[in-house]
Amino acid sequence: MSVSDLPTLNVLLNLTSAVLLVIGYIQIKKGNKGIHKKIMLTALSTSIAFLCSYLVYHFQVGSVKYPHFDWTRTVYFMILIPHIILSAAMCPFIIYIVWHAQRGNFVKHKRIAKFVWPVWMFVSISGIIIYLMLYKLR
């Protein structure tokens, strides 16, 4: 695998995280706490793998400029800017909810997860859209 393959790996990790987040959400709504825990820890692991791969890629390649100068450029930045802000902001909150869940403090876990889960989903899905716009839109 070369550095040029990492954006594709990154989008696959983002997609996997999004799918796992949905499955984890469904499982907790069904009351399957054990399955929910395993799925959510796997989603966390794929998100961590994404972050590592993303950092390696950008340390090697640097910033990647959006190549189009049409109406899609505005759309791209309207998605990219909140994606960046929210992805950075949510990291401590994910640690917080995992920490409380691991300690069995499900009241605090549930209270903050109501806000963290949709943001995590947004970051995963917007990451996929950014990849498609940056690397696949011709």
Protein backbone atom coordinates (compact mmCIF):
# COMPACT_ATOMS: atom_id res chain seq x y z
CA MET A 1 0.00 0.00 0.00
CA SER A 2 1.33 3.42 -0.94
CA VAL A 3 0.53 6.88 0.39
CA SER A 4 -1.71 7.49 -2.64
CA ASP A 5 -3.95 4.61 -1.45
CA LEU A 6 -4.61 6.19 1.94
CA PRO A 7 -7.53 8.45 0.91
CA THR A 8 -9.40 5.35 -0.27
CA LEU A 9 -8.56 3.55 2.96
CA ASN A 10 -9.72 6.62 4.88
CA VAL A 11 -13.10 6.76 3.18
CA LEU A 12 -13.59 3.02 3.77
CA LEU A 13 -12.81 3.50 7.46
CA ASN A 14 -15.24 6.45 7.61
CA LEU A 15 -17.94 4.39 5.90
CA THR A 16 -17.32 1.49 8.27
CA SER A 17 -17.57 3.81 11.27
CA ALA A 18 -20.86 5.25 10.03
CA VAL A 19 -22.36 1.81 9.45
CA LEU A 20 -21.19 0.63 12.87
CA LEU A 21 -22.62 3.73 14.53
CA VAL A 22 -26.02 2.99 13.01
CA ILE A 23 -25.85 -0.67 14.03
CA GLY A 24 -24.75 0.30 17.55
CA TYR A 25 -27.62 2.77 17.83
CA ILE A 26 -30.13 0.14 16.69
CA GLN A 27 -28.72 -2.40 19.14
CA ILE A 28 -29.01 -0.11 22.17
CA LYS A 29 -32.58 0.82 21.16
CA LYS A 30 -33.34 -2.93 21.13
CA GLY A 31 -31.80 -3.26 24.59
CA ASN A 32 -28.82 -5.32 23.42
CA LYS A 33 -26.22 -3.66 25.65
CA GLY A 34 -23.48 -6.25 25.10
CA ILE A 35 -23.72 -6.09 21.31
CA HIS A 36 -23.99 -2.29 21.48
CA LYS A 37 -20.77 -2.11 23.48
CA LYS A 38 -18.85 -4.34 21.04
CA ILE A 39 -20.14 -2.48 17.99
CA MET A 40 -19.42 0.96 19.44
CA LEU A 41 -15.90 -0.03 20.50
CA THR A 42 -15.35 -1.30 16.97
CA ALA A 43 -16.65 2.02 15.59
CA LEU A 44 -14.23 3.80 17.91
CA SER A 45 -11.39 1.57 16.69
CA THR A 46 -12.15 2.28 13.03
CA SER A 47 -12.30 6.00 13.80
CA ILE A 48 -8.91 5.82 15.52
CA ALA A 49 -7.50 3.87 12.55
CA PHE A 50 -8.92 6.56 10.26
CA LEU A 51 -7.29 9.33 12.27
CA CYS A 52 -3.89 7.58 12.19
CA SER A 53 -4.13 6.96 8.44
CA TYR A 54 -5.35 10.52 7.81
CA LEU A 55 -2.44 12.01 9.75
CA VAL A 56 0.11 9.80 7.97
CA TYR A 57 -1.33 10.82 4.61
CA HIS A 58 -1.32 14.55 5.34
CA PHE A 59 2.16 14.47 6.89
CA GLN A 60 3.36 12.95 3.62
CA VAL A 61 1.25 14.89 1.12
CA GLY A 62 0.32 18.08 2.94
CA SER A 63 -2.89 19.93 2.27
CA VAL A 64 -4.92 18.85 -0.77
CA LYS A 65 -6.51 21.77 -2.63
CA TYR A 66 -10.03 21.52 -3.97
CA PRO A 67 -9.49 21.47 -7.75
CA HIS A 68 -12.76 22.99 -8.97
CA PHE A 69 -13.64 26.66 -9.24
CA ASP A 70 -17.36 26.36 -9.89
CA TRP A 71 -20.45 26.26 -7.66
CA THR A 72 -19.26 22.99 -6.07
CA ARG A 73 -16.40 24.87 -4.40
CA THR A 74 -18.86 26.71 -2.14
CA VAL A 75 -20.66 23.46 -1.32
CA TYR A 76 -17.34 21.76 -0.61
CA PHE A 77 -16.29 24.42 1.92
CA MET A 78 -19.78 24.51 3.47
CA ILE A 79 -19.30 20.81 4.25
CA LEU A 80 -15.56 20.91 5.01
CA ILE A 81 -15.54 23.73 7.57
CA PRO A 82 -18.11 22.26 10.01
CA HIS A 83 -16.59 18.81 9.40
CA ILE A 84 -13.17 20.02 10.60
CA ILE A 85 -14.51 21.97 13.56
CA LEU A 86 -16.82 19.22 14.76
CA SER A 87 -14.31 16.41 14.24
CA ALA A 88 -11.80 18.20 16.47
CA ALA A 89 -14.40 19.23 19.04
CA MET A 90 -15.96 15.81 19.44
CA CYS A 91 -12.78 13.87 20.30
CA PRO A 92 -12.84 14.71 24.02
CA PHE A 93 -16.56 14.02 24.16
CA ILE A 94 -16.11 10.56 22.66
CA ILE A 95 -13.44 9.84 25.27
CA TYR A 96 -15.85 11.14 27.92
CA ILE A 97 -18.76 8.89 26.88
CA VAL A 98 -16.53 5.82 26.54
CA TRP A 99 -14.98 6.53 29.95
CA HIS A 100 -18.41 6.72 31.61
CA ALA A 101 -19.69 3.63 29.80
CA GLN A 102 -16.63 1.61 30.82
CA ARG A 103 -17.23 2.61 34.44
CA GLY A 104 -20.91 1.71 34.28
CA ASN A 105 -22.12 5.29 34.65
CA PHE A 106 -24.78 4.95 31.99
CA VAL A 107 -26.80 8.00 33.07
CA LYS A 108 -23.94 10.35 32.15
CA HIS A 109 -23.02 8.20 29.14
CA LYS A 110 -26.54 8.36 27.75
CA ARG A 111 -26.95 12.07 28.47
CA ILE A 112 -23.89 13.12 26.45
CA ALA A 113 -24.23 10.36 23.81
CA LYS A 114 -27.50 11.97 22.67
CA PHE A 115 -25.39 14.87 21.40
CA VAL A 116 -22.17 13.07 20.46
CA TRP A 117 -23.72 10.31 18.31
CA PRO A 118 -25.32 12.65 15.71
CA VAL A 119 -22.16 14.75 15.52
CA TRP A 120 -20.04 11.60 15.07
CA MET A 121 -22.43 10.51 12.30
CA PHE A 122 -22.20 13.92 10.65
CA VAL A 123 -18.40 13.83 10.76
CA SER A 124 -18.30 10.31 9.28
CA ILE A 125 -20.79 11.05 6.50
CA SER A 126 -19.38 14.46 5.68
CA GLY A 127 -15.93 12.87 5.49
CA ILE A 128 -17.25 10.50 2.84
CA ILE A 129 -18.79 13.41 0.90
CA ILE A 130 -15.55 15.40 1.14
CA TYR A 131 -13.60 12.42 -0.22
CA LEU A 132 -16.02 12.01 -3.13
CA MET A 133 -15.89 15.72 -3.96
CA LEU A 134 -12.11 15.97 -3.60
CA TYR A 135 -11.04 12.75 -5.33
CA LYS A 136 -13.92 11.52 -7.49
CA LEU A 137 -15.74 14.62 -8.75
CA ARG A 138 -14.40 15.35 -12.22
